[in-house]
């Protein structure tokens, strides 16, 4: 599905210049994660795929890129409060904020839903973050984080709807473009839309960006159908990591300014994609991350002519026990 456009009020679309500035800011802080080229079987035969192994990033997901960018910018501007950082997250964004805060010697308070996976909560504790569990949905945790920020004076980060966070995520595309040949088709799992909009902002005119969402957590797809962001009810096995109930405002402004396609996939196909990654490559990722591979395996998305197909494997804060092994 190609986005329908409307007049955007409020946040403006992120630009490639924003992402380039983020790359300079986080250079030497975030890892330049490797690329793995292979082939995968699809309904149309074997297809060449480029996996961006972003789950090898600090904290096990791409999220630390945005946190580094936001904190380093605040530090450079002289606006970083001594009270540290507060963030609401289902887990990965909080882990990224904790990593970036620890490097600066800052305190970090994270507010997670009570449904947050134990592996992510344990990782937060190991990083020295103060963890507060509030409610059963991200929106409730977010409201609590805002209250903490107002009362303490801490810098409030957002899991996906803050310009510096989105720009940091977009630096992934700059790294891929330096190693890929020809036009790139990106397959990206979508929750609140920070990653897909960051990559869309950084993508070149010849590139294609495909947003992949579970049926029961399709915030962007619902917004595209309605013509504006709308709230959705979450009902997906991948909602622990793709658990936003509404696409971010910055993401919406950005993807409607770019040519971003939307693909919706079911839970069974997500489980099969994750099992495939483990069975074939011993790659263990979150269910939300595995969603990005589904349209490749089922033949919905193919490599561009004279270019490459890139699946961003964005997070792996999961345990072997979740795979039943």
Protein backbone atom coordinates (compact mmCIF):
# COMPACT_ATOMS: atom_id res chain seq x y z
CA UNK A 1 0.00 0.00 0.00
CA UNK A 2 1.34 3.45 -0.96
CA UNK A 3 0.64 6.19 1.58
CA UNK A 4 -2.14 8.66 0.97
CA UNK A 5 -1.02 12.18 1.71
CA UNK A 6 -2.73 14.84 3.79
CA UNK A 7 -1.74 18.19 5.20
CA UNK A 8 0.53 17.50 8.15
CA UNK A 9 0.24 19.75 11.18
CA UNK A 10 2.67 19.64 14.04
CA UNK A 11 5.87 17.62 13.49
CA UNK A 12 7.56 17.94 10.12
CA UNK A 13 9.06 15.12 8.13
CA UNK A 14 12.58 14.11 9.06
CA UNK A 15 15.19 14.77 6.38
CA UNK A 16 18.38 13.09 5.24
CA UNK A 17 20.30 16.04 6.72
CA UNK A 18 18.90 15.16 10.15
CA UNK A 19 20.17 11.61 9.77
CA UNK A 20 23.59 12.73 8.53
CA UNK A 21 23.93 14.99 11.58
CA UNK A 22 23.00 12.05 13.81
CA UNK A 23 25.69 9.90 12.19
CA UNK A 24 28.36 12.47 13.03
CA UNK A 25 27.05 12.80 16.58
CA UNK A 26 27.08 9.07 17.39
CA UNK A 27 30.21 8.16 15.45
CA UNK A 28 32.35 5.97 17.69
CA UNK A 29 29.49 5.38 20.14
CA UNK A 30 27.10 3.10 18.29
CA UNK A 31 28.50 -0.01 16.68
CA UNK A 32 28.64 -0.24 12.91
CA UNK A 33 26.80 -3.56 12.76
CA UNK A 34 27.77 -6.16 10.14
CA UNK A 35 25.96 -7.16 6.99
CA UNK A 36 25.40 -10.83 6.15
CA UNK A 37 24.67 -11.78 2.55
CA UNK A 38 22.93 -15.07 1.86
CA UNK A 39 20.03 -16.61 -0.06
CA UNK A 40 16.66 -17.67 1.26
CA UNK A 41 14.04 -19.95 -0.30
CA UNK A 42 10.83 -18.23 -1.40
CA UNK A 43 7.74 -19.17 -3.38
CA UNK A 44 9.59 -17.84 -6.46
CA UNK A 45 12.84 -19.71 -5.84
CA UNK A 46 15.99 -18.74 -3.97
CA UNK A 47 16.44 -15.01 -3.45
CA UNK A 48 19.57 -13.09 -2.49
CA UNK A 49 19.14 -11.21 0.77
CA UNK A 50 21.28 -8.79 2.73
CA UNK A 51 20.67 -9.08 6.48
CA UNK A 52 21.63 -6.00 8.49
CA UNK A 53 22.55 -7.57 11.84
CA UNK A 54 21.44 -4.70 14.01
CA UNK A 55 20.62 -7.03 16.89
CA UNK A 56 24.41 -7.07 17.47
CA UNK A 57 24.16 -3.41 18.49
CA UNK A 58 24.82 -2.30 22.09
CA UNK A 59 21.85 -3.45 24.15
CA UNK A 60 20.70 -5.96 21.58
CA UNK A 61 18.70 -3.63 19.32
CA UNK A 62 18.87 -0.55 17.12
CA UNK A 63 17.37 1.65 19.83
CA UNK A 64 20.65 2.79 21.35
CA UNK A 65 21.42 4.79 18.20
CA UNK A 66 18.59 7.21 18.91
CA UNK A 67 19.39 7.44 22.62
CA UNK A 68 23.03 8.23 21.91
CA UNK A 69 21.93 10.90 19.46
CA UNK A 70 19.45 12.55 21.82
CA UNK A 71 21.73 12.52 24.87
CA UNK A 72 24.84 13.66 23.01
CA UNK A 73 22.91 16.49 21.40
CA UNK A 74 21.57 17.63 24.77
CA UNK A 75 25.07 17.45 26.24
CA UNK A 76 26.50 19.49 23.37
CA UNK A 77 23.73 22.08 23.68
CA UNK A 78 24.19 22.37 27.45
CA UNK A 79 20.61 21.23 28.07
CA UNK A 80 21.30 17.84 29.64
CA UNK A 81 19.76 17.94 33.15
CA UNK A 82 21.58 16.55 36.16
CA UNK A 83 18.44 14.55 36.95
CA UNK A 84 19.31 12.23 34.08
CA UNK A 85 16.95 10.48 31.71
CA UNK A 86 13.49 8.96 31.91
CA UNK A 87 11.82 6.88 29.21
CA UNK A 88 8.79 4.66 28.78
CA UNK A 89 9.32 1.52 26.74
CA UNK A 90 8.35 -2.08 26.32
CA UNK A 91 12.02 -2.84 26.78
CA UNK A 92 14.39 -2.18 23.88
CA UNK A 93 14.18 1.62 23.87
CA UNK A 94 14.73 1.59 27.61
CA UNK A 95 17.80 -0.63 27.23
CA UNK A 96 19.15 1.78 24.62
CA UNK A 97 18.55 4.75 26.92
CA UNK A 98 20.23 2.93 29.81
CA UNK A 99 23.31 2.21 27.67
CA UNK A 100 23.62 5.80 26.51
CA UNK A 101 22.97 7.20 30.00
CA UNK A 102 25.55 4.96 31.62
CA UNK A 103 28.21 6.13 29.20
CA UNK A 104 27.56 9.73 30.32
CA UNK A 105 27.36 8.78 34.00
CA UNK A 106 23.69 9.74 34.09
CA UNK A 107 20.89 8.16 36.03
CA UNK A 108 18.18 6.47 33.95
CA UNK A 109 14.64 5.68 35.04
CA UNK A 110 12.62 3.44 32.74
CA UNK A 111 8.91 2.80 32.89
CA UNK A 112 7.81 -0.47 31.31
CA UNK A 113 4.42 -2.17 31.05
CA UNK A 114 3.88 -5.02 33.47
CA UNK A 115 3.93 -7.32 30.42
CA UNK A 116 7.55 -6.47 29.54
CA UNK A 117 9.62 -9.65 28.93
CA UNK A 118 11.78 -10.77 31.84
CA UNK A 119 14.89 -10.83 29.63
CA UNK A 120 14.52 -7.12 28.90
CA UNK A 121 13.78 -6.16 32.51
CA UNK A 122 16.83 -8.14 33.66
CA UNK A 123 18.99 -6.37 31.11
CA UNK A 124 17.80 -3.00 32.40
CA UNK A 125 18.70 -3.90 35.96
CA UNK A 126 22.15 -5.06 34.88
CA UNK A 127 22.71 -1.67 33.24
CA UNK A 128 21.94 0.11 36.50
CA UNK A 129 18.61 1.57 35.45
CA UNK A 130 15.75 2.13 37.87
CA UNK A 131 12.80 0.14 36.56
CA UNK A 132 9.16 1.05 37.23
CA UNK A 133 6.38 -1.25 36.04
CA UNK A 134 3.13 0.54 35.23
CA UNK A 135 0.00 -0.78 33.53
CA UNK A 136 -0.42 -3.37 30.83
CA UNK A 137 0.04 -1.08 27.80
CA UNK A 138 2.70 1.26 26.51
CA UNK A 139 0.37 4.28 26.68
CA UNK A 140 0.03 3.90 30.45
CA UNK A 141 3.77 3.56 30.93
CA UNK A 142 4.30 6.65 28.76
CA UNK A 143 1.95 8.76 30.89
CA UNK A 144 3.81 7.70 34.03
CA UNK A 145 7.18 8.56 32.45
CA UNK A 146 5.94 12.06 31.60
CA UNK A 147 4.86 12.58 35.20
CA UNK A 148 8.31 11.52 36.43
CA UNK A 149 10.02 13.87 33.98
CA UNK A 150 7.86 16.81 35.09
CA UNK A 151 8.45 16.18 38.77
CA UNK A 152 12.17 15.42 38.56
CA UNK A 153 13.34 17.63 35.72
CA UNK A 154 14.85 14.63 33.88
CA UNK A 155 15.26 14.58 30.11
CA UNK A 156 12.32 12.60 28.74
CA UNK A 157 13.14 10.41 25.79
CA UNK A 158 10.52 8.75 23.64
CA UNK A 159 10.70 5.23 22.29
CA UNK A 160 9.93 6.33 18.73
CA UNK A 161 8.36 9.80 18.49
CA UNK A 162 11.24 12.22 19.04
CA UNK A 163 13.29 13.72 16.17
CA UNK A 164 16.68 12.78 17.61
CA UNK A 165 15.50 9.22 18.29
CA UNK A 166 14.21 8.77 14.75
CA UNK A 167 17.29 10.35 13.17
CA UNK A 168 19.56 8.03 15.14
CA UNK A 169 17.66 5.00 13.89
CA UNK A 170 18.01 6.24 10.33
CA UNK A 171 21.80 5.96 10.46
CA UNK A 172 21.34 2.26 9.73
CA UNK A 173 20.41 3.15 6.15
CA UNK A 174 23.56 5.21 5.69
CA UNK A 175 25.67 2.20 6.66
CA UNK A 176 23.75 -0.14 4.36
CA UNK A 177 24.03 2.22 1.40
CA UNK A 178 27.81 2.31 1.75
CA UNK A 179 28.02 -1.47 1.36
CA UNK A 180 25.17 -2.33 -0.99
CA UNK A 181 25.26 -2.03 -4.75
CA UNK A 182 22.49 -0.39 -6.72
CA UNK A 183 19.00 0.43 -5.45
CA UNK A 184 18.02 -1.05 -2.09
CA UNK A 185 14.67 -2.45 -1.05
CA UNK A 186 14.41 -2.35 2.75
CA UNK A 187 12.08 -4.61 4.74
CA UNK A 188 11.56 -3.15 8.19
CA UNK A 189 9.38 -4.26 11.09
CA UNK A 190 7.14 -1.47 12.39
CA UNK A 191 5.83 -0.71 15.85
CA UNK A 192 5.55 3.02 16.50
CA UNK A 193 7.36 3.79 13.27
CA UNK A 194 10.66 5.27 14.45
CA UNK A 195 12.89 2.83 12.59
CA UNK A 196 10.98 2.79 9.32
CA UNK A 197 10.67 6.58 9.21
CA UNK A 198 14.35 7.08 10.05
CA UNK A 199 15.35 4.77 7.23
CA UNK A 200 12.83 6.38 4.88
CA UNK A 201 14.36 9.78 5.64
CA UNK A 202 17.86 8.50 4.88
CA UNK A 203 16.94 6.38 1.84
CA UNK A 204 17.93 7.54 -1.62
CA UNK A 205 15.33 8.33 -4.31
CA UNK A 206 16.00 5.01 -6.06
CA UNK A 207 15.50 2.98 -2.87
CA UNK A 208 12.24 1.37 -1.73
CA UNK A 209 11.08 1.09 1.88
CA UNK A 210 8.61 -1.61 2.89
CA UNK A 211 6.98 -1.38 6.32
CA UNK A 212 6.07 -4.81 7.71
CA UNK A 213 3.50 -5.08 10.51
CA UNK A 214 1.65 -7.88 12.31
CA UNK A 215 -2.09 -7.93 11.63
CA UNK A 216 -2.78 -7.32 15.31
CA UNK A 217 -0.32 -4.43 15.71
CA UNK A 218 -0.53 -2.57 12.40
CA UNK A 219 -0.40 1.07 13.48
CA UNK A 220 0.96 2.42 10.20
CA UNK A 221 -1.36 0.34 8.03
CA UNK A 222 -4.36 1.56 10.03
CA UNK A 223 -3.18 5.17 9.65
CA UNK A 224 -2.75 4.76 5.90
CA UNK A 225 -6.27 3.40 5.57
CA UNK A 226 -7.74 6.21 7.69
CA UNK A 227 -5.58 8.96 6.19
CA UNK A 228 -4.29 9.93 9.63
CA UNK A 229 -2.90 8.22 12.77
CA UNK A 230 -5.50 6.27 14.73
CA UNK A 231 -5.50 4.18 17.89
CA UNK A 232 -5.62 0.41 17.47
CA UNK A 233 -6.24 -2.56 19.72
CA UNK A 234 -3.17 -4.77 20.08
CA UNK A 235 -3.59 -8.49 19.45
CA UNK A 236 -0.33 -10.04 18.24
CA UNK A 237 2.38 -12.34 19.53
CA UNK A 238 4.84 -9.64 18.45
CA UNK A 239 3.29 -6.85 20.50
CA UNK A 240 5.94 -7.14 23.24
CA UNK A 241 8.35 -5.37 20.88
CA UNK A 242 5.95 -3.91 18.28
CA UNK A 243 3.55 -2.74 20.97
CA UNK A 244 2.65 0.85 20.07
CA UNK A 245 -1.09 1.46 19.80
CA UNK A 246 -0.71 4.44 17.46
CA UNK A 247 1.92 5.35 14.88
CA UNK A 248 4.18 8.23 15.91
CA UNK A 249 3.53 11.74 14.64
CA UNK A 250 7.05 12.13 13.29
CA UNK A 251 6.84 8.75 11.60
CA UNK A 252 3.54 9.69 9.98
CA UNK A 253 4.87 13.01 8.73
CA UNK A 254 7.96 11.29 7.32
CA UNK A 255 6.42 8.24 5.65
CA UNK A 256 3.73 10.34 3.98
CA UNK A 257 6.51 12.51 2.59
CA UNK A 258 8.31 9.45 1.21
CA UNK A 259 7.31 6.41 -0.85
CA UNK A 260 6.78 3.85 1.91
CA UNK A 261 4.77 0.70 1.24
CA UNK A 262 2.87 -1.22 3.89
CA UNK A 263 2.65 -5.02 4.20
CA UNK A 264 0.67 -6.79 6.90
CA UNK A 265 1.60 -10.32 8.03
CA UNK A 266 -0.02 -12.85 10.35
CA UNK A 267 1.32 -14.28 13.58
CA UNK A 268 1.85 -17.81 12.21
CA UNK A 269 4.09 -16.49 9.44
CA UNK A 270 6.10 -14.50 11.98
CA UNK A 271 6.70 -17.63 14.06
CA UNK A 272 7.80 -19.52 10.94
CA UNK A 273 10.18 -16.72 9.94
CA UNK A 274 11.84 -16.69 13.34
CA UNK A 275 12.15 -20.48 13.32
CA UNK A 276 13.71 -20.27 9.85
CA UNK A 277 16.35 -17.79 11.02
CA UNK A 278 17.26 -20.02 13.96
CA UNK A 279 17.22 -23.27 12.00
CA UNK A 280 19.19 -22.05 9.00
CA UNK A 281 21.58 -19.50 10.50
CA UNK A 282 21.36 -19.90 14.27
CA UNK A 283 20.14 -16.32 14.38
CA UNK A 284 17.83 -15.77 17.36
CA UNK A 285 15.71 -12.63 17.20
CA UNK A 286 12.51 -11.29 18.66
CA UNK A 287 9.22 -12.15 16.99
CA UNK A 288 8.74 -8.52 16.05
CA UNK A 289 12.12 -8.51 14.32
CA UNK A 290 11.33 -11.71 12.43
CA UNK A 291 8.24 -10.06 10.94
CA UNK A 292 10.50 -8.13 8.55
CA UNK A 293 11.51 -11.37 6.81
CA UNK A 294 7.98 -12.67 6.20
CA UNK A 295 7.22 -10.82 2.91
CA UNK A 296 10.52 -12.07 1.51
CA UNK A 297 9.84 -15.70 2.37
CA UNK A 298 6.31 -15.59 0.98
CA UNK A 299 7.40 -13.86 -2.22
CA UNK A 300 5.54 -10.59 -1.63
CA UNK A 301 8.75 -8.55 -1.78
CA UNK A 302 11.61 -9.29 -4.17
CA UNK A 303 15.04 -7.74 -4.79
CA UNK A 304 15.03 -4.68 -7.05
CA UNK A 305 16.44 -4.95 -10.53
CA UNK A 306 20.21 -4.44 -10.40
CA UNK A 307 20.01 -3.83 -6.67
CA UNK A 308 19.80 -5.57 -3.29
CA UNK A 309 17.13 -6.61 -0.82
CA UNK A 310 17.91 -5.67 2.80
CA UNK A 311 16.08 -7.15 5.78
CA UNK A 312 16.87 -5.22 8.95
CA UNK A 313 17.11 -7.63 11.88
CA UNK A 314 16.61 -4.99 14.51
CA UNK A 315 16.41 -6.69 17.90
CA UNK A 316 17.27 -9.87 19.79
CA UNK A 317 16.43 -9.39 23.45
CA UNK A 318 15.01 -12.86 23.77
CA UNK A 319 16.09 -16.10 25.39
CA UNK A 320 16.61 -19.60 24.00
CA UNK A 321 13.76 -20.71 26.20
CA UNK A 322 11.36 -18.66 24.09
CA UNK A 323 12.31 -20.87 21.15
CA UNK A 324 11.66 -24.05 23.09
CA UNK A 325 15.29 -25.14 22.84
